[in-house]
Protein backbone atom coordinates (compact mmCIF):
# COMPACT_ATOMS: atom_id res chain seq x y z
CA MET A 1 -89.67 7.25 76.13
CA PRO A 2 -91.32 8.90 73.19
CA ASN A 3 -90.42 7.54 69.85
CA ARG A 4 -88.06 9.83 68.05
CA GLN A 5 -88.36 9.89 64.29
CA VAL A 6 -85.01 10.21 62.67
CA ASP A 7 -84.92 11.63 59.17
CA ILE A 8 -82.52 9.62 57.09
CA GLN A 9 -81.37 11.48 54.02
CA PRO A 10 -80.84 9.20 51.06
CA GLU A 11 -77.33 9.07 49.76
CA ARG A 12 -76.91 11.39 46.83
CA ARG A 13 -75.96 9.54 43.69
CA LYS A 14 -73.25 10.89 41.52
CA LEU A 15 -73.88 11.15 37.84
CA SER A 16 -71.44 8.97 35.97
CA VAL A 17 -69.65 10.39 33.00
CA GLY A 18 -68.78 8.11 30.11
CA PRO A 19 -69.70 4.49 29.43
CA LEU A 20 -71.03 2.39 32.29
CA SER A 21 -70.77 -1.24 31.23
CA THR A 22 -67.49 -3.07 30.68
CA GLY A 23 -68.25 -3.57 26.99
CA ASP A 24 -69.00 0.12 26.52
CA LYS A 25 -65.79 1.06 28.30
CA TRP A 26 -63.67 -1.14 26.03
CA PHE A 27 -65.49 0.13 22.96
CA PHE A 28 -64.94 3.73 24.07
CA ARG A 29 -61.23 3.10 24.66
CA THR A 30 -60.80 1.33 21.33
CA THR A 31 -62.49 4.04 19.31
CA THR A 32 -60.53 6.75 21.16
CA ILE A 33 -57.22 5.03 20.43
CA ALA A 34 -58.20 4.52 16.78
CA SER A 35 -59.21 8.17 16.32
CA ASN A 36 -56.04 9.43 17.98
CA PHE A 37 -53.96 7.04 15.88
CA ALA A 38 -55.25 8.77 12.74
CA PHE A 39 -53.81 12.08 13.95
CA ILE A 40 -50.58 10.37 14.94
CA LEU A 41 -50.32 8.76 11.50
CA VAL A 42 -50.74 12.10 9.74
CA ALA A 43 -48.12 13.64 12.01
CA LEU A 44 -45.69 10.78 11.32
CA ILE A 45 -46.18 11.18 7.55
CA LEU A 46 -45.50 14.90 7.89
CA VAL A 47 -42.33 14.26 9.92
CA PHE A 48 -41.14 11.64 7.42
CA LEU A 49 -41.66 13.94 4.44
CA PHE A 50 -39.96 16.84 6.21
CA ALA A 51 -36.94 14.72 7.17
CA LYS A 52 -36.52 13.44 3.60
CA ALA A 53 -37.15 16.84 2.03
CA TRP A 54 -35.04 19.02 4.33
CA PRO A 55 -31.73 18.67 2.40
CA ALA A 56 -33.41 19.80 -0.83
CA ILE A 57 -35.30 22.63 0.89
CA GLN A 58 -32.09 23.80 2.55
CA GLN A 59 -30.16 23.73 -0.71
CA GLN A 60 -32.79 25.28 -3.00
CA GLY A 61 -34.14 27.88 -0.59
CA PRO A 62 -37.32 29.87 -1.28
CA ALA A 63 -36.72 29.55 -5.04
CA PHE A 64 -37.97 25.98 -4.74
CA ILE A 65 -41.51 27.37 -4.54
CA TYR A 66 -41.47 30.08 -7.23
CA GLY A 67 -38.59 29.12 -9.59
CA ASN A 68 -39.15 27.53 -13.00
CA THR A 69 -36.10 25.30 -13.56
CA TRP A 70 -35.69 21.59 -12.90
CA ASP A 71 -32.19 20.46 -13.88
CA VAL A 72 -30.80 17.57 -11.87
CA GLU A 73 -27.76 17.23 -14.17
CA SER A 74 -26.27 20.56 -13.14
CA ASP A 75 -23.86 20.91 -10.23
CA PRO A 76 -25.44 21.59 -7.82
CA PRO A 77 -28.85 20.36 -9.02
CA VAL A 78 -31.52 23.01 -9.54
CA MET A 79 -35.00 21.90 -8.52
CA GLN A 80 -37.70 24.55 -8.60
CA LEU A 81 -41.38 23.76 -8.56
CA GLY A 82 -43.09 27.00 -9.61
CA PRO A 83 -44.70 25.82 -12.90
CA MET A 84 -45.98 22.63 -11.30
CA ILE A 85 -47.52 24.46 -8.32
CA TRP A 86 -49.21 26.96 -10.61
CA GLY A 87 -50.40 24.15 -12.88
CA SER A 88 -51.90 22.22 -9.96
CA LEU A 89 -53.86 25.28 -8.85
CA GLN A 90 -54.92 26.04 -12.41
CA VAL A 91 -56.25 22.55 -13.14
CA ALA A 92 -57.88 22.29 -9.71
CA PHE A 93 -59.77 25.58 -10.09
CA LEU A 94 -60.85 24.66 -13.62
CA GLY A 95 -62.20 21.40 -12.21
CA ILE A 96 -64.04 23.30 -9.46
CA LEU A 97 -65.60 25.71 -11.97
CA ILE A 98 -66.87 22.80 -14.05
CA ALA A 99 -67.89 20.47 -11.23
CA THR A 100 -69.69 22.89 -8.90
CA PRO A 101 -72.75 23.61 -11.12
CA MET A 102 -73.13 19.90 -11.92
CA ALA A 103 -72.83 18.90 -8.26
CA ILE A 104 -75.30 21.51 -6.98
CA SER A 105 -77.79 20.58 -9.70
CA ALA A 106 -77.49 16.88 -8.92
CA ALA A 107 -77.91 17.48 -5.18
CA TYR A 108 -80.96 19.69 -5.75
CA ALA A 109 -82.58 17.11 -8.01
CA ILE A 110 -81.95 14.28 -5.52
CA VAL A 111 -83.29 16.15 -2.49
CA PHE A 112 -86.15 18.25 -3.90
CA MET A 113 -87.26 16.88 -7.27
CA LEU A 114 -86.82 13.13 -7.73
CA PRO A 115 -89.09 10.51 -6.16
CA GLN A 116 -87.52 8.66 -3.27
CA ARG A 117 -86.74 5.53 -5.27
CA LEU A 118 -85.10 7.42 -8.12
CA ALA A 119 -83.24 9.61 -5.63
CA LYS A 120 -81.71 6.50 -4.03
CA ILE A 121 -80.65 5.19 -7.46
CA ALA A 122 -79.08 8.53 -8.40
CA THR A 123 -77.26 8.72 -5.06
CA THR A 124 -75.87 5.21 -5.54
CA LEU A 125 -74.64 5.98 -9.05
CA ILE A 126 -72.89 9.16 -7.95
CA ASP A 127 -71.28 7.38 -5.01
CA LEU A 128 -70.09 4.62 -7.35
CA LEU A 129 -68.39 7.27 -9.47
CA ALA A 130 -66.38 8.30 -6.42
CA ALA A 131 -65.22 4.69 -6.00
CA LEU A 132 -63.69 4.44 -9.47
CA PRO A 133 -59.86 4.36 -9.37
CA SER A 134 -58.15 7.41 -10.84
CA VAL A 135 -56.26 5.22 -13.31
CA VAL A 136 -59.58 4.07 -14.80
CA ILE A 137 -60.82 7.65 -15.13
CA GLY A 138 -57.46 8.64 -16.62
CA LEU A 139 -57.64 5.92 -19.26
CA TRP A 140 -61.23 6.86 -20.04
CA GLY A 141 -60.15 10.47 -20.39
CA LEU A 142 -57.23 9.60 -22.66
CA LEU A 143 -59.03 7.17 -24.95
CA SER A 144 -62.64 8.36 -24.99
CA PHE A 145 -63.09 11.83 -23.57
CA ALA A 146 -60.02 13.67 -24.91
CA PRO A 147 -61.15 13.56 -28.59
CA VAL A 148 -64.57 14.91 -27.62
CA ALA A 149 -63.10 17.64 -25.40
CA ALA A 150 -60.66 18.54 -28.20
CA ASN A 151 -63.66 19.43 -30.38
CA TRP A 152 -65.02 21.61 -27.57
CA ALA A 153 -61.63 23.31 -27.26
CA LYS A 154 -61.55 23.92 -31.02
CA LEU A 155 -65.02 25.45 -30.89
CA LEU A 156 -64.02 27.73 -28.01
CA ASN A 157 -60.90 28.83 -29.88
CA GLN A 158 -62.81 29.56 -33.07
CA THR A 159 -65.68 31.45 -31.42
CA LEU A 160 -63.97 33.08 -28.42
CA GLY A 161 -60.38 33.20 -29.62
CA PHE A 162 -60.29 36.97 -29.17
CA ILE A 163 -60.27 36.34 -25.41
CA PRO A 164 -56.68 35.62 -24.24
CA LEU A 165 -57.94 32.69 -22.14
CA PHE A 166 -58.92 30.76 -25.28
CA GLN A 167 -56.06 31.75 -27.56
CA ILE A 168 -53.65 29.17 -29.00
CA THR A 169 -50.24 29.92 -30.47
CA GLY A 170 -49.00 27.79 -33.35
CA ASP A 171 -50.14 27.02 -36.88
CA GLU A 172 -51.47 23.50 -36.30
CA PRO A 173 -52.97 23.23 -32.79
CA THR A 174 -53.90 19.78 -31.56
CA TYR A 175 -56.35 20.90 -28.84
CA ILE A 176 -55.29 17.99 -26.60
CA ASP A 177 -52.96 17.57 -23.59
CA SER A 178 -54.19 20.88 -22.22
CA PRO A 179 -55.29 22.16 -18.80
CA PHE A 180 -58.81 22.44 -20.25
CA ILE A 181 -59.08 18.67 -20.72
CA ALA A 182 -57.32 17.98 -17.41
CA GLY A 183 -59.84 20.27 -15.69
CA TRP A 184 -62.73 18.22 -17.09
CA ILE A 185 -61.15 14.98 -15.89
CA VAL A 186 -60.64 16.42 -12.41
CA ALA A 187 -64.24 17.69 -12.43
CA VAL A 188 -65.53 14.17 -13.05
CA MET A 189 -63.55 12.96 -10.05
CA ILE A 190 -64.70 15.62 -7.58
CA VAL A 191 -68.39 15.87 -8.55
CA PRO A 192 -69.31 13.02 -6.12
CA ILE A 193 -67.54 14.77 -3.22
CA ILE A 194 -69.25 18.11 -3.72
CA THR A 195 -72.59 16.43 -4.46
CA SER A 196 -72.45 14.35 -1.27
CA VAL A 197 -71.77 17.34 0.99
CA THR A 198 -74.29 19.57 -0.80
CA ARG A 199 -76.96 16.85 -0.65
CA GLU A 200 -76.46 16.54 3.10
CA ILE A 201 -76.71 20.29 3.60
CA PHE A 202 -79.83 20.55 1.40
CA SER A 203 -81.52 17.74 3.33
CA GLN A 204 -81.10 19.71 6.58
CA THR A 205 -82.80 22.84 5.20
CA ASP A 206 -86.04 23.68 7.02
CA SER A 207 -88.86 22.27 4.88
CA GLY A 208 -91.34 24.68 6.46
CA LEU A 209 -89.28 27.61 5.20
CA ILE A 210 -89.29 26.20 1.66
CA ASN A 211 -93.00 25.37 1.69
CA GLY A 212 -93.80 28.81 3.03
CA ALA A 213 -91.85 30.48 0.24
CA LEU A 214 -93.64 28.32 -2.34
CA ALA A 215 -97.01 29.10 -0.76
CA LEU A 216 -96.30 32.82 -1.06
CA GLY A 217 -95.99 32.40 -4.81
CA GLY A 218 -92.28 31.86 -5.22
CA SER A 219 -91.09 29.85 -8.19
CA ARG A 220 -88.74 26.92 -7.87
CA PHE A 221 -85.85 29.05 -9.09
CA SER A 222 -86.58 31.99 -6.79
CA VAL A 223 -86.95 29.70 -3.77
CA PHE A 224 -83.66 28.01 -4.64
CA SER A 225 -81.77 31.26 -5.26
CA ARG A 226 -83.23 33.27 -2.36
CA VAL A 227 -83.95 30.65 0.31
CA ILE A 228 -82.12 27.37 -0.18
CA LEU A 229 -78.84 28.64 -1.61
CA PRO A 230 -78.18 31.45 0.93
CA THR A 231 -79.01 29.09 3.79
CA SER A 232 -76.78 26.32 2.47
CA ALA A 233 -73.93 28.46 1.13
CA PRO A 234 -71.41 27.81 3.94
CA GLY A 235 -71.84 24.04 3.67
CA ILE A 236 -71.57 24.15 -0.12
CA VAL A 237 -68.35 26.17 0.17
CA GLY A 238 -67.01 23.52 2.53
CA GLY A 239 -67.84 20.79 0.04
CA ILE A 240 -66.15 22.76 -2.73
CA LEU A 241 -63.03 23.09 -0.60
CA LEU A 242 -63.03 19.34 0.03
CA GLY A 243 -63.22 18.81 -3.72
CA LEU A 244 -60.42 21.33 -4.21
CA GLY A 245 -58.18 19.38 -1.85
CA ARG A 246 -58.90 16.22 -3.82
CA ALA A 247 -58.25 17.96 -7.13
CA ILE A 248 -54.90 19.43 -6.11
CA GLY A 249 -53.58 16.01 -5.11
CA GLU A 250 -54.74 14.15 -8.25
CA THR A 251 -51.91 12.24 -9.96
CA VAL A 252 -52.49 9.50 -12.52
CA ALA A 253 -55.55 10.90 -14.31
CA ILE A 254 -53.85 14.25 -14.97
CA LEU A 255 -50.64 12.55 -16.10
CA TYR A 256 -52.55 10.79 -18.88
CA VAL A 257 -54.22 13.91 -20.33
CA LEU A 258 -51.79 16.77 -19.66
CA GLN A 259 -48.38 17.47 -21.18
CA LEU A 260 -46.11 18.44 -18.28
CA THR A 261 -43.67 21.25 -19.08
CA PHE A 262 -41.68 23.80 -17.07
CA ASP A 263 -42.89 26.69 -19.20
CA ILE A 264 -45.53 28.30 -17.01
CA ASN A 265 -48.92 28.35 -18.71
CA TRP A 266 -50.33 31.41 -16.99
CA TYR A 267 -53.79 31.57 -18.52
CA GLN A 268 -54.03 29.90 -21.97
CA ILE A 269 -55.96 26.83 -20.89
CA LEU A 270 -56.23 25.42 -24.43
CA GLU A 271 -52.45 25.31 -24.93
CA PRO A 272 -50.99 21.76 -24.88
CA HIS A 273 -48.77 22.23 -21.84
CA GLY A 274 -49.19 22.75 -18.13
CA GLY A 275 -48.18 21.31 -14.80
CA ALA A 276 -49.26 19.36 -11.72
CA VAL A 277 -47.10 18.65 -8.68
CA ALA A 278 -48.39 15.15 -7.93
CA SER A 279 -48.18 14.09 -11.58
CA TRP A 280 -44.63 15.44 -11.83
CA ILE A 281 -43.59 13.38 -8.81
CA LEU A 282 -45.04 10.24 -10.39
CA SER A 283 -43.39 10.88 -13.77
CA ARG A 284 -39.92 11.42 -12.26
CA PHE A 285 -39.94 9.01 -9.32
CA GLY A 286 -38.86 5.87 -11.18
CA GLU A 287 -35.62 7.35 -12.53
CA ALA A 288 -34.80 9.82 -9.77
CA THR A 289 -31.27 10.15 -8.41
CA GLU A 290 -30.64 10.58 -4.70
CA LYS A 291 -30.67 14.37 -4.98
CA GLU A 292 -33.76 14.41 -7.15
CA PHE A 293 -35.48 12.03 -4.74
CA GLU A 294 -35.01 14.64 -2.01
CA GLY A 295 -36.50 17.27 -4.31
CA LEU A 296 -39.49 15.08 -5.07
CA MET A 297 -40.02 14.52 -1.36
CA ALA A 298 -39.99 18.29 -0.90
CA ALA A 299 -42.62 18.57 -3.64
CA GLY A 300 -44.70 15.95 -1.85
CA LEU A 301 -44.35 17.90 1.39
CA VAL A 302 -45.66 21.05 -0.29
CA ILE A 303 -48.71 19.35 -1.76
CA PHE A 304 -49.36 17.49 1.52
CA ILE A 305 -49.37 20.69 3.57
CA VAL A 306 -51.59 22.52 1.07
CA THR A 307 -54.08 19.63 1.05
CA LEU A 308 -54.14 19.46 4.86
CA ILE A 309 -54.88 23.17 5.12
CA ILE A 310 -57.68 23.05 2.55
CA ASN A 311 -59.31 19.94 4.03
CA GLY A 312 -59.07 21.32 7.56
CA LEU A 313 -60.74 24.57 6.50
CA ALA A 314 -63.43 22.63 4.64
CA ASN A 315 -64.21 20.44 7.66
CA VAL A 316 -64.58 23.49 9.89
CA ILE A 317 -66.97 25.17 7.45
CA VAL A 318 -69.07 22.04 6.90
CA SER A 319 -69.30 21.32 10.66
CA ARG A 320 -70.46 24.85 11.43
CA ALA A 321 -72.97 24.82 8.59
CA ALA A 322 -74.40 21.46 9.68
CA GLY A 323 -74.75 22.66 13.29
CA ARG A 324 -76.47 25.84 12.22
CA ASN A 325 -79.01 24.02 10.05
CA ARG A 326 -80.13 21.60 12.74
C-alpha cells in the first residue's frame, strides 16, 4: 500500500490575557483590590458625611449654601455657610493667580534652561516644599511673612487705592488678617503641585518642534508663547485645577493669617476679614454642640464634594493632555 501522508495541523494556541505566572497573578489581584479599595474608601467617607450632615441640611434647606448667619444659640439654630464658601473661593483663586506664573516659570526653567544637575536640585527643593506640613507654613506666614505682605498691601492701597479691589475702609488699617495674605500663603502651598504637573507636560513636548522654531529665528519668548504654551495648555489647566482643589480645602494655614467673619468680603482683598469653610470647621469643632456638629459635618460635605469635582476634572484634563503629547 502506498504511504499516505497525513497533514497534521498544529493545535492553535490561545493568547492568554492577564498575568501568566502565579506571582504575577497574586500581584495583579492585590493591586486591583488596593485600587478598588481607594474608591470604596472615598464612597464610605461620602456616605458618612452625608449621614451626619443630613439633619442639618434638612433643617436649614438651600439657605445653608447662600445664607450669611451662623447662630447656634437661637431656637432653632441658624447655620448658613455663604460667607465661608465665598471666602474659600476668593482665597483659592487669589492663590491660583499668584502661584500659576511662579509655577510655570519654575517648570520652564527646570525643563528648558537649567543644566541637568541644577534641574534635579531645583526639582527636589520644590518637591520638599510640598512635603511641609500646613501648620509649619501657617506659622511661617503668621510670624515671618505677614509683616512683609502687610507692607505690600499698604503699597497697593496707597498707589492703587482708587481701584475698589484695593480699597480699605477705616481710619487705621492694619493690612493684616486679609484674603490678600491668605492668598499668598495658599500660593506657596500649591506652587509645587502646579509645577510638578507643568514640568511633566513640558518634558513631553516634541523637542524637534521646539528646535525647528528656534532654527527659524524664533526667540525663547516667542517659542514659549507660540509653541510650548499652546501645546501644553490643557495639561497646565489640569495642574491649576489640582492646585485649586488643594487650595479650597486648606485649613490650618488660612486660620493663622485670616480673620474669619460672617460679613461677606465681596472684593476688598486688603480688608482684615474673610472666610474659609475648612478653617471655620476647625475653629468651631472643639466647642460645637450636637446641632452645630451636624452643621459642621454639612460644611465638610460641601467642601468634600467641591474638591472631588475639581480633582476629577483636573485628572481628566491632565490624562488627555499627556496622551496627546506622547
